Each structure stands twice: as C-alpha cells, then as structure tokens.
Full PDB file with SEQRES, HELIX, SHEET, SSBOND, CRYST1, ORIGX, SCALE, CONECT and MASTER records, all heavy atoms in Angstrom:
SEQRES   1 A   31  VAL VAL VAL VAL GLN CYS GLY ILE GLY LYS VAL ASN ALA          
SEQRES   2 A   31  ALA MET CYS VAL GLN VAL LEU ALA ASP LEU PHE GLN VAL          
SEQRES   3 A   31  THR HIS VAL LEU ASN                                          
HELIX    1 AA1 LYS A   10  PHE A   24  1                                  15    
CRYST1    1.000    1.000    1.000  90.00  90.00  90.00 P 1           1          
ORIGX1      1.000000  0.000000  0.000000        0.00000                         
ORIGX2      0.000000  1.000000  0.000000        0.00000                         
ORIGX3      0.000000  0.000000  1.000000        0.00000                         
SCALE1      1.000000  0.000000  0.000000        0.00000                         
SCALE2      0.000000  1.000000  0.000000        0.00000                         
SCALE3      0.000000  0.000000  1.000000        0.00000                         
ATOM      1  N   VAL A   1     -37.490 -16.241  -5.188  1.00  0.00           N  
ATOM      2  CA  VAL A   1     -37.232 -14.799  -5.180  1.00  0.00           C  
ATOM      3  C   VAL A   1     -37.085 -14.304  -3.746  1.00  0.00           C  
ATOM      4  O   VAL A   1     -37.533 -14.951  -2.797  1.00  0.00           O  
ATOM      5  CB  VAL A   1     -38.368 -13.996  -5.867  1.00  0.00           C  
ATOM      6  CG1 VAL A   1     -38.503 -14.371  -7.336  1.00  0.00           C  
ATOM      7  CG2 VAL A   1     -39.689 -14.159  -5.128  1.00  0.00           C  
ATOM      8  N   VAL A   2     -36.452 -13.137  -3.630  1.00  0.00           N  
ATOM      9  CA  VAL A   2     -36.453 -12.371  -2.383  1.00  0.00           C  
ATOM     10  C   VAL A   2     -36.871 -10.957  -2.752  1.00  0.00           C  
ATOM     11  O   VAL A   2     -36.203 -10.299  -3.552  1.00  0.00           O  
ATOM     12  CB  VAL A   2     -35.069 -12.358  -1.708  1.00  0.00           C  
ATOM     13  CG1 VAL A   2     -35.154 -11.608  -0.377  1.00  0.00           C  
ATOM     14  CG2 VAL A   2     -34.542 -13.760  -1.492  1.00  0.00           C  
ATOM     15  N   VAL A   3     -37.991 -10.499  -2.204  1.00  0.00           N  
ATOM     16  CA  VAL A   3     -38.524  -9.174  -2.518  1.00  0.00           C  
ATOM     17  C   VAL A   3     -38.280  -8.257  -1.333  1.00  0.00           C  
ATOM     18  O   VAL A   3     -38.572  -8.611  -0.181  1.00  0.00           O  
ATOM     19  CB  VAL A   3     -40.030  -9.248  -2.838  1.00  0.00           C  
ATOM     20  CG1 VAL A   3     -40.603  -7.850  -3.051  1.00  0.00           C  
ATOM     21  CG2 VAL A   3     -40.273 -10.109  -4.082  1.00  0.00           C  
ATOM     22  N   VAL A   4     -37.762  -7.051  -1.596  1.00  0.00           N  
ATOM     23  CA  VAL A   4     -37.391  -6.159  -0.498  1.00  0.00           C  
ATOM     24  C   VAL A   4     -37.558  -4.703  -0.904  1.00  0.00           C  
ATOM     25  O   VAL A   4     -37.290  -4.315  -2.027  1.00  0.00           O  
ATOM     26  CB  VAL A   4     -35.925  -6.437  -0.052  1.00  0.00           C  
ATOM     27  CG1 VAL A   4     -34.957  -6.349  -1.224  1.00  0.00           C  
ATOM     28  CG2 VAL A   4     -35.497  -5.500   1.061  1.00  0.00           C  
ATOM     29  N   GLN A   5     -38.017  -3.901   0.047  1.00  0.00           N  
ATOM     30  CA  GLN A   5     -38.027  -2.446  -0.094  1.00  0.00           C  
ATOM     31  C   GLN A   5     -36.751  -1.922   0.549  1.00  0.00           C  
ATOM     32  O   GLN A   5     -36.550  -2.051   1.748  1.00  0.00           O  
ATOM     33  CB  GLN A   5     -39.244  -1.841   0.608  1.00  0.00           C  
ATOM     34  CG  GLN A   5     -39.274  -0.311   0.557  1.00  0.00           C  
ATOM     35  CD  GLN A   5     -40.316   0.276   1.506  1.00  0.00           C  
ATOM     36  OE1 GLN A   5     -41.115  -0.454   2.110  1.00  0.00           O  
ATOM     37  NE2 GLN A   5     -40.299   1.593   1.650  1.00  0.00           N  
ATOM     38  N   CYS A   6     -35.880  -1.321  -0.256  1.00  0.00           N  
ATOM     39  CA  CYS A   6     -34.571  -0.920   0.265  1.00  0.00           C  
ATOM     40  C   CYS A   6     -34.558   0.460   0.889  1.00  0.00           C  
ATOM     41  O   CYS A   6     -33.661   0.774   1.688  1.00  0.00           O  
ATOM     42  CB  CYS A   6     -33.515  -0.984  -0.842  1.00  0.00           C  
ATOM     43  SG  CYS A   6     -33.675   0.272  -2.137  1.00  0.00           S  
ATOM     44  N   GLY A   7     -35.541   1.307   0.561  1.00  0.00           N  
ATOM     45  CA  GLY A   7     -35.484   2.695   1.012  1.00  0.00           C  
ATOM     46  C   GLY A   7     -34.834   3.571  -0.050  1.00  0.00           C  
ATOM     47  O   GLY A   7     -34.303   3.094  -1.046  1.00  0.00           O  
ATOM     48  N   ILE A   8     -34.868   4.870   0.189  1.00  0.00           N  
ATOM     49  CA  ILE A   8     -34.431   5.848  -0.796  1.00  0.00           C  
ATOM     50  C   ILE A   8     -32.918   6.070  -0.721  1.00  0.00           C  
ATOM     51  O   ILE A   8     -32.337   6.148   0.357  1.00  0.00           O  
ATOM     52  CB  ILE A   8     -35.138   7.201  -0.571  1.00  0.00           C  
ATOM     53  CG1 ILE A   8     -36.667   7.021  -0.565  1.00  0.00           C  
ATOM     54  CG2 ILE A   8     -34.711   8.220  -1.614  1.00  0.00           C  
ATOM     55  CD1 ILE A   8     -37.249   6.569  -1.870  1.00  0.00           C  
ATOM     56  N   GLY A   9     -32.284   6.189  -1.875  1.00  0.00           N  
ATOM     57  CA  GLY A   9     -30.893   6.613  -1.921  1.00  0.00           C  
ATOM     58  C   GLY A   9     -29.897   5.508  -2.180  1.00  0.00           C  
ATOM     59  O   GLY A   9     -30.181   4.319  -2.015  1.00  0.00           O  
ATOM     60  N   LYS A  10     -28.688   5.933  -2.577  1.00  0.00           N  
ATOM     61  CA  LYS A  10     -27.672   4.989  -3.037  1.00  0.00           C  
ATOM     62  C   LYS A  10     -27.122   4.108  -1.919  1.00  0.00           C  
ATOM     63  O   LYS A  10     -26.819   2.933  -2.151  1.00  0.00           O  
ATOM     64  CB  LYS A  10     -26.535   5.744  -3.722  1.00  0.00           C  
ATOM     65  CG  LYS A  10     -26.951   6.443  -5.010  1.00  0.00           C  
ATOM     66  CD  LYS A  10     -25.745   6.852  -5.849  1.00  0.00           C  
ATOM     67  CE  LYS A  10     -24.846   7.783  -5.077  1.00  0.00           C  
ATOM     68  NZ  LYS A  10     -23.641   8.172  -5.839  1.00  0.00           N  
ATOM     69  N   VAL A  11     -26.965   4.643  -0.725  1.00  0.00           N  
ATOM     70  CA  VAL A  11     -26.414   3.829   0.366  1.00  0.00           C  
ATOM     71  C   VAL A  11     -27.366   2.704   0.730  1.00  0.00           C  
ATOM     72  O   VAL A  11     -26.963   1.535   0.847  1.00  0.00           O  
ATOM     73  CB  VAL A  11     -26.100   4.707   1.594  1.00  0.00           C  
ATOM     74  CG1 VAL A  11     -25.678   3.832   2.774  1.00  0.00           C  
ATOM     75  CG2 VAL A  11     -24.992   5.703   1.270  1.00  0.00           C  
ATOM     76  N   ASN A  12     -28.639   3.029   0.912  1.00  0.00           N  
ATOM     77  CA  ASN A  12     -29.636   1.995   1.197  1.00  0.00           C  
ATOM     78  C   ASN A  12     -29.648   0.929   0.111  1.00  0.00           C  
ATOM     79  O   ASN A  12     -29.712  -0.280   0.391  1.00  0.00           O  
ATOM     80  CB  ASN A  12     -31.032   2.612   1.308  1.00  0.00           C  
ATOM     81  CG  ASN A  12     -31.253   3.357   2.601  1.00  0.00           C  
ATOM     82  OD1 ASN A  12     -30.663   3.026   3.623  1.00  0.00           O  
ATOM     83  ND2 ASN A  12     -32.086   4.374   2.565  1.00  0.00           N  
ATOM     84  N   ALA A  13     -29.592   1.373  -1.139  1.00  0.00           N  
ATOM     85  CA  ALA A  13     -29.667   0.447  -2.268  1.00  0.00           C  
ATOM     86  C   ALA A  13     -28.483  -0.506  -2.299  1.00  0.00           C  
ATOM     87  O   ALA A  13     -28.639  -1.715  -2.485  1.00  0.00           O  
ATOM     88  CB  ALA A  13     -29.745   1.247  -3.571  1.00  0.00           C  
ATOM     89  N   ALA A  14     -27.278   0.025  -2.115  1.00  0.00           N  
ATOM     90  CA  ALA A  14     -26.082  -0.815  -2.149  1.00  0.00           C  
ATOM     91  C   ALA A  14     -26.052  -1.785  -0.971  1.00  0.00           C  
ATOM     92  O   ALA A  14     -25.680  -2.958  -1.128  1.00  0.00           O  
ATOM     93  CB  ALA A  14     -24.835   0.063  -2.139  1.00  0.00           C  
ATOM     94  N   MET A  15     -26.456  -1.314   0.215  1.00  0.00           N  
ATOM     95  CA  MET A  15     -26.517  -2.199   1.378  1.00  0.00           C  
ATOM     96  C   MET A  15     -27.471  -3.360   1.129  1.00  0.00           C  
ATOM     97  O   MET A  15     -27.199  -4.502   1.502  1.00  0.00           O  
ATOM     98  CB  MET A  15     -26.975  -1.416   2.613  1.00  0.00           C  
ATOM     99  CG  MET A  15     -25.933  -0.516   3.224  1.00  0.00           C  
ATOM    100  SD  MET A  15     -26.576   0.330   4.685  1.00  0.00           S  
ATOM    101  CE  MET A  15     -26.900  -1.071   5.761  1.00  0.00           C  
ATOM    102  N   CYS A  16     -28.573  -3.060   0.468  1.00  0.00           N  
ATOM    103  CA  CYS A  16     -29.582  -4.075   0.191  1.00  0.00           C  
ATOM    104  C   CYS A  16     -29.021  -5.183  -0.691  1.00  0.00           C  
ATOM    105  O   CYS A  16     -29.235  -6.376  -0.431  1.00  0.00           O  
ATOM    106  CB  CYS A  16     -30.790  -3.419  -0.467  1.00  0.00           C  
ATOM    107  SG  CYS A  16     -32.176  -4.531  -0.737  1.00  0.00           S  
ATOM    108  N   VAL A  17     -28.288  -4.800  -1.727  1.00  0.00           N  
ATOM    109  CA  VAL A  17     -27.683  -5.808  -2.610  1.00  0.00           C  
ATOM    110  C   VAL A  17     -26.708  -6.681  -1.831  1.00  0.00           C  
ATOM    111  O   VAL A  17     -26.666  -7.904  -2.013  1.00  0.00           O  
ATOM    112  CB  VAL A  17     -26.963  -5.134  -3.796  1.00  0.00           C  
ATOM    113  CG1 VAL A  17     -26.209  -6.175  -4.618  1.00  0.00           C  
ATOM    114  CG2 VAL A  17     -27.954  -4.395  -4.676  1.00  0.00           C  
ATOM    115  N   GLN A  18     -25.924  -6.065  -0.929  1.00  0.00           N  
ATOM    116  CA  GLN A  18     -24.949  -6.845  -0.184  1.00  0.00           C  
ATOM    117  C   GLN A  18     -25.619  -7.869   0.724  1.00  0.00           C  
ATOM    118  O   GLN A  18     -25.160  -9.010   0.842  1.00  0.00           O  
ATOM    119  CB  GLN A  18     -24.049  -5.924   0.643  1.00  0.00           C  
ATOM    120  CG  GLN A  18     -22.768  -6.592   1.098  1.00  0.00           C  
ATOM    121  CD  GLN A  18     -21.924  -7.069  -0.073  1.00  0.00           C  
ATOM    122  OE1 GLN A  18     -21.601  -6.297  -0.974  1.00  0.00           O  
ATOM    123  NE2 GLN A  18     -21.592  -8.349  -0.088  1.00  0.00           N  
ATOM    124  N   VAL A  19     -26.738  -7.476   1.337  1.00  0.00           N  
ATOM    125  CA  VAL A  19     -27.482  -8.426   2.167  1.00  0.00           C  
ATOM    126  C   VAL A  19     -28.047  -9.552   1.303  1.00  0.00           C  
ATOM    127  O   VAL A  19     -27.984 -10.732   1.682  1.00  0.00           O  
ATOM    128  CB  VAL A  19     -28.614  -7.721   2.945  1.00  0.00           C  
ATOM    129  CG1 VAL A  19     -29.472  -8.737   3.690  1.00  0.00           C  
ATOM    130  CG2 VAL A  19     -28.040  -6.707   3.927  1.00  0.00           C  
ATOM    131  N   LEU A  20     -28.578  -9.203   0.140  1.00  0.00           N  
ATOM    132  CA  LEU A  20     -29.110 -10.224  -0.768  1.00  0.00           C  
ATOM    133  C   LEU A  20     -28.021 -11.213  -1.182  1.00  0.00           C  
ATOM    134  O   LEU A  20     -28.265 -12.418  -1.287  1.00  0.00           O  
ATOM    135  CB  LEU A  20     -29.708  -9.572  -2.012  1.00  0.00           C  
ATOM    136  CG  LEU A  20     -31.062  -8.877  -1.842  1.00  0.00           C  
ATOM    137  CD1 LEU A  20     -31.397  -8.056  -3.068  1.00  0.00           C  
ATOM    138  CD2 LEU A  20     -32.164  -9.881  -1.551  1.00  0.00           C  
ATOM    139  N   ALA A  21     -26.813 -10.704  -1.406  1.00  0.00           N  
ATOM    140  CA  ALA A  21     -25.701 -11.572  -1.798  1.00  0.00           C  
ATOM    141  C   ALA A  21     -25.233 -12.442  -0.639  1.00  0.00           C  
ATOM    142  O   ALA A  21     -25.036 -13.653  -0.790  1.00  0.00           O  
ATOM    143  CB  ALA A  21     -24.548 -10.724  -2.329  1.00  0.00           C  
ATOM    144  N   ASP A  22     -25.054 -11.840   0.531  1.00  0.00           N  
ATOM    145  CA  ASP A  22     -24.457 -12.544   1.668  1.00  0.00           C  
ATOM    146  C   ASP A  22     -25.430 -13.479   2.374  1.00  0.00           C  
ATOM    147  O   ASP A  22     -25.092 -14.617   2.703  1.00  0.00           O  
ATOM    148  CB  ASP A  22     -23.926 -11.535   2.691  1.00  0.00           C  
ATOM    149  CG  ASP A  22     -22.719 -10.765   2.205  1.00  0.00           C  
ATOM    150  OD1 ASP A  22     -22.111 -11.191   1.206  1.00  0.00           O  
ATOM    151  OD2 ASP A  22     -22.390  -9.730   2.811  1.00  0.00           O  
ATOM    152  N   LEU A  23     -26.641 -12.984   2.615  1.00  0.00           N  
ATOM    153  CA  LEU A  23     -27.592 -13.723   3.445  1.00  0.00           C  
ATOM    154  C   LEU A  23     -28.481 -14.663   2.630  1.00  0.00           C  
ATOM    155  O   LEU A  23     -28.882 -15.721   3.126  1.00  0.00           O  
ATOM    156  CB  LEU A  23     -28.455 -12.733   4.233  1.00  0.00           C  
ATOM    157  CG  LEU A  23     -29.158 -13.244   5.491  1.00  0.00           C  
ATOM    158  CD1 LEU A  23     -28.123 -13.737   6.515  1.00  0.00           C  
ATOM    159  CD2 LEU A  23     -30.004 -12.134   6.107  1.00  0.00           C  
ATOM    160  N   PHE A  24     -28.771 -14.281   1.389  1.00  0.00           N  
ATOM    161  CA  PHE A  24     -29.738 -15.044   0.602  1.00  0.00           C  
ATOM    162  C   PHE A  24     -29.144 -15.695  -0.644  1.00  0.00           C  
ATOM    163  O   PHE A  24     -29.833 -16.441  -1.335  1.00  0.00           O  
ATOM    164  CB  PHE A  24     -30.907 -14.136   0.196  1.00  0.00           C  
ATOM    165  CG  PHE A  24     -31.667 -13.596   1.368  1.00  0.00           C  
ATOM    166  CD1 PHE A  24     -31.394 -12.319   1.846  1.00  0.00           C  
ATOM    167  CD2 PHE A  24     -32.619 -14.352   2.030  1.00  0.00           C  
ATOM    168  CE1 PHE A  24     -32.080 -11.800   2.936  1.00  0.00           C  
ATOM    169  CE2 PHE A  24     -33.311 -13.854   3.121  1.00  0.00           C  
ATOM    170  CZ  PHE A  24     -33.036 -12.573   3.580  1.00  0.00           C  
ATOM    171  N   GLN A  25     -27.887 -15.403  -0.930  1.00  0.00           N  
ATOM    172  CA  GLN A  25     -27.186 -16.014  -2.068  1.00  0.00           C  
ATOM    173  C   GLN A  25     -27.971 -15.897  -3.377  1.00  0.00           C  
ATOM    174  O   GLN A  25     -28.115 -16.866  -4.122  1.00  0.00           O  
ATOM    175  CB  GLN A  25     -26.852 -17.494  -1.796  1.00  0.00           C  
ATOM    176  CG  GLN A  25     -25.807 -17.706  -0.706  1.00  0.00           C  
ATOM    177  CD  GLN A  25     -26.408 -17.652   0.691  1.00  0.00           C  
ATOM    178  OE1 GLN A  25     -27.415 -18.296   0.961  1.00  0.00           O  
ATOM    179  NE2 GLN A  25     -25.810 -16.888   1.570  1.00  0.00           N  
ATOM    180  N   VAL A  26     -28.510 -14.699  -3.646  1.00  0.00           N  
ATOM    181  CA  VAL A  26     -29.216 -14.508  -4.915  1.00  0.00           C  
ATOM    182  C   VAL A  26     -28.221 -14.594  -6.066  1.00  0.00           C  
ATOM    183  O   VAL A  26     -27.026 -14.336  -5.908  1.00  0.00           O  
ATOM    184  CB  VAL A  26     -29.977 -13.162  -4.958  1.00  0.00           C  
ATOM    185  CG1 VAL A  26     -30.983 -13.072  -3.826  1.00  0.00           C  
ATOM    186  CG2 VAL A  26     -29.029 -11.987  -4.960  1.00  0.00           C  
ATOM    187  N   THR A  27     -28.723 -14.967  -7.224  1.00  0.00           N  
ATOM    188  CA  THR A  27     -27.884 -15.059  -8.416  1.00  0.00           C  
ATOM    189  C   THR A  27     -28.111 -13.903  -9.376  1.00  0.00           C  
ATOM    190  O   THR A  27     -27.265 -13.605 -10.213  1.00  0.00           O  
ATOM    191  CB  THR A  27     -28.168 -16.377  -9.158  1.00  0.00           C  
ATOM    192  OG1 THR A  27     -29.570 -16.443  -9.479  1.00  0.00           O  
ATOM    193  CG2 THR A  27     -27.786 -17.578  -8.296  1.00  0.00           C  
ATOM    194  N   HIS A  28     -29.282 -13.275  -9.271  1.00  0.00           N  
ATOM    195  CA  HIS A  28     -29.652 -12.172 -10.158  1.00  0.00           C  
ATOM    196  C   HIS A  28     -30.329 -11.080  -9.324  1.00  0.00           C  
ATOM    197  O   HIS A  28     -30.990 -11.379  -8.323  1.00  0.00           O  
ATOM    198  CB  HIS A  28     -30.622 -12.631 -11.249  1.00  0.00           C  
ATOM    199  CG  HIS A  28     -30.067 -13.662 -12.171  1.00  0.00           C  
ATOM    200  ND1 HIS A  28     -29.860 -14.965 -11.787  1.00  0.00           N  
ATOM    201  CD2 HIS A  28     -29.683 -13.581 -13.479  1.00  0.00           C  
ATOM    202  CE1 HIS A  28     -29.359 -15.645 -12.800  1.00  0.00           C  
ATOM    203  NE2 HIS A  28     -29.245 -14.833 -13.843  1.00  0.00           N  
ATOM    204  N   VAL A  29     -30.179  -9.843  -9.769  1.00  0.00           N  
ATOM    205  CA  VAL A  29     -30.807  -8.708  -9.092  1.00  0.00           C  
ATOM    206  C   VAL A  29     -31.633  -7.925 -10.099  1.00  0.00           C  
ATOM    207  O   VAL A  29     -31.134  -7.547 -11.173  1.00  0.00           O  
ATOM    208  CB  VAL A  29     -29.755  -7.780  -8.449  1.00  0.00           C  
ATOM    209  CG1 VAL A  29     -30.427  -6.541  -7.882  1.00  0.00           C  
ATOM    210  CG2 VAL A  29     -28.984  -8.518  -7.359  1.00  0.00           C  
ATOM    211  N   LEU A  30     -32.893  -7.691  -9.762  1.00  0.00           N  
ATOM    212  CA  LEU A  30     -33.793  -6.885 -10.589  1.00  0.00           C  
ATOM    213  C   LEU A  30     -34.262  -5.710  -9.743  1.00  0.00           C  
ATOM    214  O   LEU A  30     -34.844  -5.898  -8.683  1.00  0.00           O  
ATOM    215  CB  LEU A  30     -34.971  -7.729 -11.071  1.00  0.00           C  
ATOM    216  CG  LEU A  30     -35.913  -7.098 -12.093  1.00  0.00           C  
ATOM    217  CD1 LEU A  30     -36.604  -8.177 -12.914  1.00  0.00           C  
ATOM    218  CD2 LEU A  30     -36.975  -6.226 -11.423  1.00  0.00           C  
ATOM    219  N   ASN A  31     -34.011  -4.516 -10.214  1.00  0.00           N  
ATOM    220  CA  ASN A  31     -34.429  -3.303  -9.502  1.00  0.00           C  
ATOM    221  C   ASN A  31     -35.596  -2.668 -10.238  1.00  0.00           C  
ATOM    222  O   ASN A  31     -35.479  -2.319 -11.411  1.00  0.00           O  
ATOM    223  CB  ASN A  31     -33.246  -2.342  -9.417  1.00  0.00           C  
ATOM    224  CG  ASN A  31     -33.582  -1.019  -8.746  1.00  0.00           C  
ATOM    225  OD1 ASN A  31     -33.017   0.006  -9.096  1.00  0.00           O  
ATOM    226  ND2 ASN A  31     -34.485  -1.018  -7.795  1.00  0.00           N  
TER     227      ASN A  31                                                      
MASTER        0    0    0    1    0    0    0    6  226    1    0    3          
END                                                                             
C-alpha cells in the first residue's frame, strides 16, 4: 500500500492520484 494525506479540495486530490500512478505505480485507489 501507499498511504497519503492529500489535503483538502479537488486539485490536491487529483494531483495525489497522479503521483500515485506515476511514482508508485498503484493498481487500485481507495479514498
């Protein structure tokens, strides 16, 4: 797993997913 606090709001949230995809190659996302 990769656990992360993204911060409040849609921009923070979307940026967080992109980092998870690019840097950590996650296969699933649970919010």
